[in-house]
Amino acid sequence: MEVLQEILVFITFFIATGYLITKFVWKPAFLGGKKKAGSCGVSDCGCGD
């Protein structure tokens, strides 16, 4: 039973670490990546840059 608890703690630790890395350090492409900024109007005046 003690070994099972240690395995669950390690799994939880790795999941939490992976979440923090993807949240603050590295954003993989399959999680959304960069979003495009929309233009401010119909003409492409460049004001959305």
C-alpha atoms as a PDB file:
ATOM      1  CA  MET A   1       0.000   0.000   0.000  1.00  0.00           C
ATOM      2  CA  GLU A   2       2.877   2.342   0.770  1.00  0.00           C
ATOM      3  CA  VAL A   3       4.383   1.805  -2.678  1.00  0.00           C
ATOM      4  CA  LEU A   4       1.075   2.686  -4.328  1.00  0.00           C
ATOM      5  CA  GLN A   5       0.932   5.959  -2.393  1.00  0.00           C
ATOM      6  CA  GLU A   6       4.451   6.872  -3.490  1.00  0.00           C
ATOM      7  CA  ILE A   7       3.590   6.138  -7.121  1.00  0.00           C
ATOM      8  CA  LEU A   8       0.492   8.346  -6.886  1.00  0.00           C
ATOM      9  CA  VAL A   9       2.533  11.157  -5.321  1.00  0.00           C
ATOM     10  CA  PHE A  10       5.091  10.973  -8.142  1.00  0.00           C
ATOM     11  CA  ILE A  11       2.358  10.972 -10.790  1.00  0.00           C
ATOM     12  CA  THR A  12       0.703  13.987  -9.159  1.00  0.00           C
ATOM     13  CA  PHE A  13       4.048  15.781  -8.928  1.00  0.00           C
ATOM     14  CA  PHE A  14       4.835  15.193 -12.606  1.00  0.00           C
ATOM     15  CA  ILE A  15       1.379  16.321 -13.705  1.00  0.00           C
ATOM     16  CA  ALA A  16       1.675  19.513 -11.636  1.00  0.00           C
ATOM     17  CA  THR A  17       5.184  20.199 -12.936  1.00  0.00           C
ATOM     18  CA  GLY A  18       4.072  19.642 -16.519  1.00  0.00           C
ATOM     19  CA  TYR A  19       1.150  22.000 -16.025  1.00  0.00           C
ATOM     20  CA  LEU A  20       3.381  24.748 -14.643  1.00  0.00           C
ATOM     21  CA  ILE A  21       5.883  24.348 -17.478  1.00  0.00           C
ATOM     22  CA  THR A  22       3.188  24.586 -20.147  1.00  0.00           C
ATOM     23  CA  LYS A  23       1.496  27.461 -18.350  1.00  0.00           C
ATOM     24  CA  PHE A  24       4.520  29.725 -17.834  1.00  0.00           C
ATOM     25  CA  VAL A  25       7.497  28.505 -19.890  1.00  0.00           C
ATOM     26  CA  TRP A  26       6.594  26.558 -23.023  1.00  0.00           C
ATOM     27  CA  LYS A  27       3.322  26.601 -24.951  1.00  0.00           C
ATOM     28  CA  PRO A  28       3.100  23.713 -27.408  1.00  0.00           C
ATOM     29  CA  ALA A  29       1.277  24.229 -30.704  1.00  0.00           C
ATOM     30  CA  PHE A  30      -1.504  21.761 -29.851  1.00  0.00           C
ATOM     31  CA  LEU A  31      -2.552  23.853 -26.825  1.00  0.00           C
ATOM     32  CA  GLY A  32      -3.473  26.910 -28.846  1.00  0.00           C
ATOM     33  CA  GLY A  33      -0.178  28.534 -29.716  1.00  0.00           C
ATOM     34  CA  LYS A  34      -0.205  32.129 -30.896  1.00  0.00           C
ATOM     35  CA  LYS A  35      -3.495  33.826 -31.625  1.00  0.00           C
ATOM     36  CA  LYS A  36      -3.960  36.150 -34.583  1.00  0.00           C
ATOM     37  CA  ALA A  37      -4.848  39.733 -33.845  1.00  0.00           C
ATOM     38  CA  GLY A  38      -7.921  40.868 -35.720  1.00  0.00           C
ATOM     39  CA  SER A  39      -7.957  44.040 -37.749  1.00  0.00           C
ATOM     40  CA  CYS A  40      -9.680  47.067 -36.336  1.00  0.00           C
ATOM     41  CA  GLY A  41     -11.894  47.647 -39.350  1.00  0.00           C
ATOM     42  CA  VAL A  42     -12.525  46.733 -42.949  1.00  0.00           C
ATOM     43  CA  SER A  43      -9.417  48.430 -44.318  1.00  0.00           C
ATOM     44  CA  ASP A  44      -6.004  47.011 -43.497  1.00  0.00           C
ATOM     45  CA  CYS A  45      -4.643  50.147 -41.865  1.00  0.00           C
ATOM     46  CA  GLY A  46      -2.217  48.338 -39.552  1.00  0.00           C
ATOM     47  CA  CYS A  47      -3.707  49.768 -36.351  1.00  0.00           C
ATOM     48  CA  GLY A  48      -4.123  46.289 -34.851  1.00  0.00           C
ATOM     49  CA  ASP A  49      -0.352  45.668 -34.811  1.00  0.00           C
END
